[in-house]
Amino acid sequence: MTTRLRGVTYTYPEVEQPALHDITLDLPAGLTVLAGGSGSGKSTVLRLLNGLVPHFYGGHIRGEVVVGGIDALRSTPRHLASVTGSVFQDPETQSVAATCGRDVAFGISGPRLSDTALRQRVATALEQTGLGGFEERRVTSLSGGERQRLAIAAALVRQPRLLVLDEPLAQLDAASARDVLDVIRSLTDRGVTVVMAEHRLDLLPGDADVAVIEAGRVTRRCTAERLVRRVPPRQRHRVPGEPAWSLRDITAGAADTPVLESLTAAGHRGEVVGVCGANGDGKTTMLRVIAGLLSPRGGTREVPGRVTYLPQNPALLLHRESVRDEVRASLPRGADDETVMPWLTAAGCAHLAHRFPRDLSSGERQRVAIAAVMAASGDLILLDEPTRGMDAHARAQLAASVESACARGAAVVIATHDDDLLNLLGARRIDLSGAALRGVTVRRATTVVP
């Protein structure tokens, strides 16, 4: 299947600088990974392949884009959908039905298929993604890894020849990521071409073909193992401050299947605590209980100070007309640009100050949301998967912001799969998939102090 870009330059509407500069890229059969910094152009390349650029986003484009032998610039997205399946950065937003079977079936509601043929298509797509027999499962009951595989199944039900995936491993634990990569491998073995944008290169097979995109240009093509750089654990000797939060004997979740059971844990001012564990082990539930957003079924919560919370989906926080306005809303009334800009600079998004937040890439939206949360200067800062969509440089900037918050006496709790972030911070860890240790009591819990 011929898929290529030739001399493509593209600029989004109302933006001065092109997102892509004279980019030429061949996408052969098998798996191709697009790597590079946040906002480098990876997602834009994927949007070219499914027709969202330029047909939905508009803007100015020149060059040639061929997808499965189809001229993508002169074909409609509907025509391209006959050969291309897409899974976007937020798989939870792609679900449209209550059960897995109906959610997958929605993807082929247009073609005239008999009920028997439709059921078979759905069953095959679920089986291909390791979700065989999930037709009647509630979508809301799925773990993060299962939601990602469901989104892939919904894309596969149309039997595409090209599958584009935007950050499919961003929210997954290592085991769930391996499951998704196994699905991708089985697809390429059957002749499906897969193009995925990804930051978590350490989870990929070492021989994976990677095209590095920086500032809208392909700068390098190599294997994944050539690009992986791990962060060694950092030893910290923080003196604990006053108690900042505590949970005692917390049980939360459904009555028949609690996510957390008999959880006792606490943290102090000036301390960073990392909450680890597999998808579905209760990391987000724990943060929501600490934040007071979820009432536990049993136990007590004590948080004496003011809490600021970054949810997994940063778009939930972003509702204003510009990035500058998002951060200004977190500051005392009357804050001017001189007060706003240092927070944007610290988060690495000062150059985005005038942009509309929802037009940004996932990593850029994440940095803007972090700037807004940090600007609120809470006594307790809760961050749920804060490095989602972030490159190594943005991770380092986040770590510096967390250090600064701790230096002024804030406590920080981070739910994450990102070991490199916790290593940078020398964080104390609560592992919700281990055994009880060091005064933390929870179903499958461990605290590890570096």
Protein backbone atom coordinates (compact mmCIF):
# COMPACT_ATOMS: atom_id res chain seq x y z
CA MET A 1 0.00 0.00 0.00
CA THR A 2 1.54 3.30 -1.11
CA THR A 3 1.54 5.89 1.67
CA ARG A 4 3.85 8.89 1.49
CA LEU A 5 4.27 12.62 2.02
CA ARG A 6 6.23 14.68 -0.51
CA GLY A 7 7.31 18.28 0.11
CA VAL A 8 4.41 19.00 2.47
CA THR A 9 4.23 22.40 4.15
CA TYR A 10 1.14 23.07 6.26
CA THR A 11 0.02 26.00 8.42
CA TYR A 12 -3.01 25.93 10.74
CA PRO A 13 -5.53 28.79 10.47
CA GLU A 14 -4.61 32.01 12.32
CA VAL A 15 -1.10 30.70 13.06
CA GLU A 16 1.98 32.36 11.57
CA GLN A 17 4.48 29.50 11.68
CA PRO A 18 3.90 26.29 9.67
CA ALA A 19 3.32 23.11 11.64
CA LEU A 20 5.12 21.15 8.92
CA HIS A 21 8.01 22.43 6.78
CA ASP A 22 8.66 20.75 3.40
CA ILE A 23 8.32 17.33 4.97
CA THR A 24 8.99 14.17 2.94
CA LEU A 25 8.24 10.83 4.55
CA ASP A 26 7.73 7.28 3.28
CA LEU A 27 5.49 5.02 5.39
CA PRO A 28 6.11 1.41 4.35
CA ALA A 29 4.15 -1.68 5.37
CA GLY A 30 4.58 -2.61 9.02
CA LEU A 31 4.97 -0.24 11.97
CA THR A 32 6.38 3.28 11.75
CA VAL A 33 6.72 5.35 14.93
CA LEU A 34 6.74 9.15 14.88
CA ALA A 35 8.83 10.59 17.72
CA GLY A 36 9.81 14.13 18.69
CA GLY A 37 8.98 16.94 21.07
CA SER A 38 5.50 18.08 22.02
CA GLY A 39 4.13 20.29 19.24
CA SER A 40 6.77 19.09 16.77
CA GLY A 41 4.20 18.03 14.16
CA LYS A 42 3.58 14.34 14.91
CA SER A 43 -0.18 14.68 15.37
CA THR A 44 -0.39 16.89 12.28
CA VAL A 45 1.15 14.11 10.16
CA LEU A 46 -1.48 11.70 11.50
CA ARG A 47 -4.21 14.21 10.65
CA LEU A 48 -2.92 14.35 7.11
CA LEU A 49 -3.25 10.59 6.84
CA ASN A 50 -6.90 10.52 7.96
CA GLY A 51 -7.91 13.69 6.11
CA LEU A 52 -8.64 15.92 9.12
CA VAL A 53 -5.86 18.15 7.76
CA PRO A 54 -6.72 20.14 5.77
CA HIS A 55 -10.38 19.14 5.27
CA PHE A 56 -11.53 19.68 8.87
CA TYR A 57 -8.90 22.04 10.29
CA GLY A 58 -8.53 24.24 7.21
CA GLY A 59 -5.35 26.26 6.85
CA HIS A 60 -2.83 26.40 4.00
CA ILE A 61 -1.09 23.39 2.51
CA ARG A 62 1.14 22.51 -0.42
CA GLY A 63 2.80 19.27 -1.44
CA GLU A 64 1.60 15.72 -2.01
CA VAL A 65 -0.07 13.29 0.43
CA VAL A 66 -0.86 9.78 -0.82
CA VAL A 67 -2.67 7.33 1.47
CA GLY A 68 -3.18 3.81 0.19
CA GLY A 69 -2.83 5.11 -3.34
CA ILE A 70 -5.44 7.83 -2.71
CA ASP A 71 -4.66 11.52 -3.14
CA ALA A 72 -5.53 12.61 0.41
CA LEU A 73 -5.60 16.34 -0.38
CA ARG A 74 -8.26 15.92 -3.04
CA SER A 75 -10.29 13.18 -1.40
CA THR A 76 -12.83 13.63 1.38
CA PRO A 77 -12.27 12.30 4.92
CA ARG A 78 -15.17 9.95 4.31
CA HIS A 79 -13.38 8.45 1.31
CA LEU A 80 -10.13 8.16 3.29
CA ALA A 81 -12.05 6.40 6.09
CA SER A 82 -12.44 3.46 3.71
CA VAL A 83 -8.71 2.79 4.01
CA THR A 84 -7.67 4.58 7.25
CA GLY A 85 -8.67 3.91 10.84
CA SER A 86 -7.80 6.42 13.58
CA VAL A 87 -7.33 6.29 17.34
CA PHE A 88 -6.85 9.72 18.88
CA GLN A 89 -4.92 10.88 21.95
CA ASP A 90 -7.89 10.55 24.31
CA PRO A 91 -9.46 7.10 23.77
CA GLU A 92 -12.01 7.74 26.52
CA THR A 93 -13.55 10.51 24.39
CA GLN A 94 -14.04 8.16 21.42
CA SER A 95 -16.57 5.93 23.14
CA VAL A 96 -20.15 6.70 22.10
CA ALA A 97 -22.14 3.76 23.49
CA ALA A 98 -22.66 2.10 26.86
CA THR A 99 -21.42 -1.38 25.96
CA CYS A 100 -18.33 -2.50 24.09
CA GLY A 101 -20.25 -4.28 21.34
CA ARG A 102 -22.44 -1.28 20.54
CA ASP A 103 -19.45 1.06 20.74
CA VAL A 104 -17.52 -0.93 18.14
CA ALA A 105 -20.61 -1.40 15.95
CA PHE A 106 -21.10 2.38 15.76
CA GLY A 107 -18.02 2.58 13.53
CA ILE A 108 -19.85 0.78 10.72
CA SER A 109 -23.36 2.09 11.22
CA GLY A 110 -23.29 3.44 7.66
CA PRO A 111 -22.58 0.39 5.47
CA ARG A 112 -25.53 -1.88 4.72
CA LEU A 113 -24.67 -5.07 6.60
CA SER A 114 -27.00 -7.78 7.83
CA ASP A 115 -27.31 -8.16 11.60
CA THR A 116 -25.34 -11.40 11.38
CA ALA A 117 -22.53 -9.82 9.37
CA LEU A 118 -22.43 -6.82 11.71
CA ARG A 119 -22.17 -9.04 14.80
CA GLN A 120 -19.40 -11.02 13.14
CA ARG A 121 -17.46 -7.86 12.27
CA VAL A 122 -17.75 -6.63 15.86
CA ALA A 123 -16.74 -9.99 17.32
CA THR A 124 -13.72 -10.17 15.02
CA ALA A 125 -12.55 -6.65 15.90
CA LEU A 126 -12.87 -7.37 19.62
CA GLU A 127 -11.07 -10.70 19.23
CA GLN A 128 -8.23 -9.03 17.30
CA THR A 129 -7.65 -6.63 20.20
CA GLY A 130 -7.80 -9.20 22.99
CA LEU A 131 -11.35 -8.29 24.03
CA GLY A 132 -13.13 -11.38 22.77
CA GLY A 133 -16.45 -11.88 24.56
CA PHE A 134 -16.66 -8.25 25.74
CA GLU A 135 -19.73 -7.40 23.67
CA GLU A 136 -21.95 -6.83 26.73
CA ARG A 137 -19.29 -5.33 29.02
CA ARG A 138 -19.96 -1.76 30.16
CA VAL A 139 -17.42 0.66 28.68
CA THR A 140 -17.17 2.45 32.03
CA SER A 141 -15.99 -0.78 33.69
CA LEU A 142 -12.87 -1.06 31.51
CA SER A 143 -9.34 -0.29 32.65
CA GLY A 144 -7.18 2.24 30.80
CA GLY A 145 -5.51 -0.48 28.74
CA GLU A 146 -8.84 -2.03 27.86
CA ARG A 147 -10.24 1.37 26.80
CA GLN A 148 -7.25 1.82 24.49
CA ARG A 149 -7.81 -1.59 22.93
CA LEU A 150 -11.54 -0.87 22.57
CA ALA A 151 -10.72 2.32 20.64
CA ILE A 152 -8.48 0.27 18.34
CA ALA A 153 -11.27 -2.28 17.85
CA ALA A 154 -13.66 0.52 16.89
CA ALA A 155 -11.13 1.63 14.26
CA LEU A 156 -10.52 -1.93 13.00
CA VAL A 157 -14.19 -2.78 12.49
CA ARG A 158 -14.10 -0.98 9.13
CA GLN A 159 -11.19 -3.24 8.14
CA PRO A 160 -8.77 -0.42 7.27
CA ARG A 161 -5.49 -0.95 5.47
CA LEU A 162 -3.82 1.88 7.43
CA LEU A 163 -4.20 2.47 11.18
CA VAL A 164 -2.99 5.73 12.74
CA LEU A 165 -2.55 5.90 16.52
CA ASP A 166 -1.83 9.08 18.49
CA GLU A 167 0.03 8.39 21.77
CA PRO A 168 -1.56 4.95 22.31
CA LEU A 169 0.76 4.09 25.24
CA ALA A 170 0.55 7.42 27.06
CA GLN A 171 -1.68 6.31 29.96
CA LEU A 172 -0.80 2.63 30.16
CA ASP A 173 1.17 0.59 32.64
CA ALA A 174 3.94 -1.60 31.21
CA ALA A 175 1.78 -4.75 31.03
CA SER A 176 -1.12 -2.93 29.30
CA ALA A 177 1.34 -1.29 26.90
CA ARG A 178 2.71 -4.72 25.97
CA ASP A 179 -0.85 -5.91 25.31
CA VAL A 180 -1.47 -2.98 22.94
CA LEU A 181 1.87 -3.56 21.20
CA ASP A 182 0.96 -7.23 20.78
CA VAL A 183 -2.25 -6.12 19.07
CA ILE A 184 -0.26 -3.82 16.77
CA ARG A 185 2.18 -6.62 15.95
CA SER A 186 -0.66 -8.98 15.04
CA LEU A 187 -2.13 -6.32 12.76
CA THR A 188 1.13 -5.68 10.90
CA ASP A 189 1.56 -9.46 10.53
CA ARG A 190 -1.79 -9.48 8.71
CA GLY A 191 -0.71 -6.71 6.35
CA VAL A 192 -2.13 -3.61 8.10
CA THR A 193 0.19 -0.59 7.97
CA VAL A 194 0.40 1.12 11.38
CA VAL A 195 1.69 4.65 11.99
CA MET A 196 1.82 5.79 15.60
CA ALA A 197 3.04 8.92 17.38
CA GLU A 198 4.65 8.09 20.71
CA HIS A 199 6.91 9.51 23.44
CA ARG A 200 7.37 6.33 25.47
CA LEU A 201 9.99 4.78 23.21
CA ASP A 202 11.38 2.59 26.01
CA LEU A 203 8.25 0.43 25.74
CA LEU A 204 8.73 -0.25 22.02
CA PRO A 205 10.64 -3.15 20.47
CA GLY A 206 14.26 -2.06 20.12
CA ASP A 207 14.18 -2.56 16.34
CA ALA A 208 11.03 -0.44 15.79
CA ASP A 209 11.37 1.97 12.86
CA VAL A 210 11.28 5.55 14.21
CA ALA A 211 11.05 8.82 12.28
CA VAL A 212 12.06 11.75 14.49
CA ILE A 213 10.15 14.99 13.78
CA GLU A 214 11.35 18.29 15.22
CA ALA A 215 9.87 21.70 14.40
CA GLY A 216 7.86 20.19 11.56
CA ARG A 217 10.80 18.48 9.84
CA VAL A 218 12.00 14.88 9.72
CA THR A 219 15.46 15.11 11.27
CA ARG A 220 16.37 11.46 11.74
CA ARG A 221 15.27 7.92 11.02
CA CYS A 222 16.59 5.09 13.19
CA THR A 223 15.56 2.28 15.54
CA ALA A 224 13.88 2.90 18.90
CA GLU A 225 16.82 1.57 20.91
CA ARG A 226 19.03 4.35 19.52
CA LEU A 227 16.79 6.98 21.13
CA VAL A 228 16.00 5.60 24.59
CA ARG A 229 17.60 7.43 27.52
CA ARG A 230 16.65 6.33 31.04
CA VAL A 231 16.78 8.59 34.10
CA PRO A 232 18.59 7.03 37.10
CA PRO A 233 16.91 7.28 40.54
CA ARG A 234 17.80 10.43 42.44
CA GLN A 235 18.46 10.24 46.15
CA ARG A 236 16.67 12.87 48.24
CA HIS A 237 16.88 13.67 51.94
CA ARG A 238 13.90 15.95 52.51
CA VAL A 239 13.03 16.95 56.06
CA PRO A 240 9.28 16.28 56.41
CA GLY A 241 7.15 19.32 57.21
CA GLU A 242 3.73 19.47 58.81
CA PRO A 243 1.14 16.82 57.82
CA ALA A 244 -0.48 17.84 54.51
CA TRP A 245 -2.91 14.98 53.89
CA SER A 246 -3.94 11.67 55.38
CA LEU A 247 -6.27 8.81 54.53
CA ARG A 248 -7.25 6.33 57.22
CA ASP A 249 -8.83 2.97 56.44
CA ILE A 250 -10.35 4.27 53.19
CA THR A 251 -12.62 2.06 51.09
CA ALA A 252 -13.80 3.48 47.77
CA GLY A 253 -15.53 2.15 44.69
CA ALA A 254 -18.53 -0.04 44.07
CA ALA A 255 -19.89 -1.99 47.02
CA ASP A 256 -19.26 -5.38 45.40
CA THR A 257 -15.87 -4.51 43.84
CA PRO A 258 -14.10 -1.72 45.76
CA VAL A 259 -11.15 -0.16 43.94
CA LEU A 260 -9.46 0.77 47.22
CA GLU A 261 -9.93 -1.23 50.38
CA SER A 262 -8.62 -0.33 53.86
CA LEU A 263 -6.19 2.28 52.53
CA THR A 264 -4.12 4.18 55.09
CA ALA A 265 -1.54 6.65 53.80
CA ALA A 266 -0.27 10.16 54.51
CA GLY A 267 2.06 12.87 53.24
CA HIS A 268 3.76 16.03 54.48
CA ARG A 269 4.49 19.53 53.29
CA GLY A 270 7.58 19.76 51.10
CA GLU A 271 7.26 16.11 50.07
CA VAL A 272 6.63 14.48 46.69
CA VAL A 273 4.71 11.20 46.77
CA GLY A 274 4.35 9.09 43.64
CA VAL A 275 1.33 6.77 43.38
CA CYS A 276 2.14 3.82 41.12
CA GLY A 277 0.40 0.67 39.96
CA ALA A 278 -1.29 -0.94 37.00
CA ASN A 279 -4.29 0.51 35.18
CA GLY A 280 -7.33 -0.09 37.36
CA ASP A 281 -5.41 -0.41 40.64
CA GLY A 282 -6.94 2.79 42.03
CA LYS A 283 -4.43 5.61 41.44
CA THR A 284 -7.00 8.09 40.15
CA THR A 285 -9.51 6.97 42.76
CA MET A 286 -6.97 7.68 45.50
CA LEU A 287 -6.28 11.19 44.16
CA ARG A 288 -9.98 11.96 43.85
CA VAL A 289 -10.57 10.88 47.45
CA ILE A 290 -7.68 13.08 48.63
CA ALA A 291 -9.08 15.99 46.60
CA GLY A 292 -12.53 15.57 48.12
CA LEU A 293 -14.09 14.88 44.72
CA LEU A 294 -15.07 11.31 45.63
CA SER A 295 -16.67 10.38 48.92
CA PRO A 296 -15.29 7.09 50.25
CA ARG A 297 -17.59 4.34 51.40
CA GLY A 298 -15.61 4.07 54.62
CA GLY A 299 -12.69 5.63 56.45
CA THR A 300 -11.60 9.22 57.08
CA ARG A 301 -9.83 11.89 55.03
CA GLU A 302 -7.94 14.84 56.50
CA VAL A 303 -6.60 17.62 54.27
CA PRO A 304 -6.14 20.86 56.25
CA GLY A 305 -4.98 23.08 53.38
CA ARG A 306 -6.15 24.20 49.95
CA VAL A 307 -6.06 21.58 47.18
CA THR A 308 -5.39 22.02 43.45
CA TYR A 309 -5.97 19.06 41.13
CA LEU A 310 -4.86 18.21 37.58
CA PRO A 311 -7.11 15.46 36.14
CA GLN A 312 -5.92 12.96 33.52
CA ASN A 313 -7.69 14.87 30.76
CA PRO A 314 -6.35 18.46 30.84
CA ALA A 315 -9.13 19.62 28.52
CA LEU A 316 -11.46 19.46 31.54
CA LEU A 317 -9.65 22.51 32.93
CA LEU A 318 -9.33 24.53 29.73
CA HIS A 319 -12.37 26.66 28.86
CA ARG A 320 -11.07 30.16 28.12
CA GLU A 321 -10.18 32.01 24.95
CA SER A 322 -6.40 31.95 25.34
CA VAL A 323 -3.62 30.19 27.20
CA ARG A 324 -2.84 33.48 28.97
CA ASP A 325 -6.43 33.71 30.22
CA GLU A 326 -6.33 30.14 31.57
CA VAL A 327 -3.41 30.95 33.86
CA ARG A 328 -4.75 34.41 34.77
CA ALA A 329 -7.93 32.75 36.06
CA SER A 330 -5.84 30.81 38.61
CA LEU A 331 -4.23 33.97 40.00
CA PRO A 332 -5.71 36.66 42.27
CA ARG A 333 -8.14 38.98 40.51
CA GLY A 334 -6.42 41.75 38.59
CA ALA A 335 -3.27 39.79 37.72
CA ASP A 336 -1.49 41.31 34.73
CA ASP A 337 0.74 39.78 32.06
CA GLU A 338 3.86 40.35 34.16
CA THR A 339 2.34 38.06 36.78
CA VAL A 340 1.02 35.48 34.29
CA MET A 341 4.06 35.01 32.05
CA PRO A 342 6.48 33.56 34.65
CA TRP A 343 4.07 30.65 35.21
CA LEU A 344 3.82 30.02 31.47
CA THR A 345 7.59 30.23 31.12
CA ALA A 346 8.13 27.74 33.95
CA ALA A 347 5.80 25.28 32.18
CA GLY A 348 7.51 25.81 28.81
CA CYS A 349 4.46 27.31 27.12
CA ALA A 350 5.10 31.08 27.11
CA HIS A 351 5.20 31.00 23.30
CA LEU A 352 1.60 29.70 23.34
CA ALA A 353 0.20 32.57 25.42
CA HIS A 354 -2.07 33.91 22.65
CA ARG A 355 -3.25 30.49 21.39
CA PHE A 356 -6.70 28.97 21.87
CA PRO A 357 -6.05 26.04 24.29
CA ARG A 358 -8.17 23.47 22.47
CA ASP A 359 -6.18 23.97 19.26
CA LEU A 360 -2.99 22.75 20.95
CA SER A 361 -1.43 19.30 20.89
CA SER A 362 -2.04 16.96 23.82
CA GLY A 363 1.39 17.68 25.31
CA GLU A 364 0.93 21.43 24.92
CA ARG A 365 -2.52 21.32 26.57
CA GLN A 366 -0.98 19.33 29.39
CA ARG A 367 1.69 22.01 29.98
CA VAL A 368 -0.91 24.78 29.95
CA ALA A 369 -3.06 22.93 32.49
CA ILE A 370 -0.02 22.37 34.70
CA ALA A 371 0.82 26.09 34.51
CA ALA A 372 -2.73 26.91 35.63
CA VAL A 373 -2.64 24.39 38.49
CA MET A 374 0.78 25.54 39.70
CA ALA A 375 -0.25 29.21 39.50
CA ALA A 376 -3.10 28.47 41.91
CA SER A 377 -0.38 27.80 44.56
CA GLY A 378 -2.32 25.20 46.53
CA ASP A 379 -1.04 23.75 49.78
CA LEU A 380 -1.55 20.30 48.27
CA ILE A 381 -1.05 19.72 44.53
CA LEU A 382 -2.48 16.54 42.96
CA LEU A 383 -1.28 15.58 39.47
CA ASP A 384 -2.87 12.65 37.61
CA GLU A 385 -0.61 11.36 34.80
CA PRO A 386 0.95 14.82 34.30
CA THR A 387 3.51 13.71 31.67
CA ARG A 388 0.88 12.38 29.29
CA GLY A 389 1.93 13.56 25.83
CA MET A 390 5.15 15.15 27.15
CA ASP A 391 8.69 14.83 25.83
CA ALA A 392 11.80 14.58 28.03
CA HIS A 393 12.40 18.35 28.05
CA ALA A 394 8.83 19.08 29.18
CA ARG A 395 9.18 16.40 31.87
CA ALA A 396 12.29 18.15 33.21
CA GLN A 397 10.41 21.47 33.28
CA LEU A 398 7.57 19.83 35.19
CA ALA A 399 10.04 18.38 37.70
CA ALA A 400 11.51 21.86 38.24
CA SER A 401 8.02 23.28 38.86
CA VAL A 402 7.27 20.54 41.38
CA GLU A 403 10.57 21.21 43.15
CA SER A 404 9.70 24.89 43.35
CA ALA A 405 6.27 24.10 44.82
CA CYS A 406 7.85 21.85 47.44
CA ALA A 407 10.41 24.53 48.31
CA ARG A 408 7.60 26.93 49.24
CA GLY A 409 6.07 24.24 51.46
CA ALA A 410 3.47 22.57 49.26
CA ALA A 411 2.91 18.82 49.25
CA VAL A 412 2.68 17.09 45.85
CA VAL A 413 1.07 13.75 45.02
CA ILE A 414 1.57 12.36 41.50
CA ALA A 415 -0.27 9.37 40.04
CA THR A 416 1.88 8.15 37.17
CA HIS A 417 3.40 5.33 35.14
CA ASP A 418 6.38 7.57 34.40
CA ASP A 419 9.30 6.15 36.40
CA ASP A 420 11.64 8.75 34.90
CA LEU A 421 9.62 11.59 36.44
CA LEU A 422 9.62 9.98 39.88
CA ASN A 423 13.35 9.25 39.54
CA LEU A 424 14.01 12.90 38.69
CA LEU A 425 12.13 13.99 41.80
CA GLY A 426 13.43 11.32 44.15
CA ALA A 427 9.80 10.75 45.12
CA ARG A 428 8.56 8.49 47.88
CA ARG A 429 6.38 5.87 46.20
CA ILE A 430 3.10 4.25 47.09
CA ASP A 431 2.71 1.21 44.85
CA LEU A 432 -0.90 0.04 44.66
CA SER A 433 0.10 -3.26 43.11
CA GLY A 434 2.49 -4.52 45.83
CA ALA A 435 2.31 -5.78 49.40
CA ALA A 436 1.85 -3.71 52.60
CA LEU A 437 5.04 -2.03 53.84
CA ARG A 438 6.22 0.97 55.88
CA GLY A 439 2.89 1.93 57.42
CA VAL A 440 0.81 2.03 54.23
CA THR A 441 -2.04 -0.44 54.39
CA VAL A 442 -4.04 -1.03 51.23
CA ARG A 443 -5.06 -3.93 49.08
CA ARG A 444 -1.83 -4.51 47.08
CA ALA A 445 0.12 -1.48 48.39
CA THR A 446 3.79 -0.70 48.99
CA THR A 447 5.67 2.43 49.94
CA VAL A 448 9.24 2.67 48.65
CA VAL A 449 11.51 5.41 49.93
CA PRO A 450 14.53 6.02 47.65
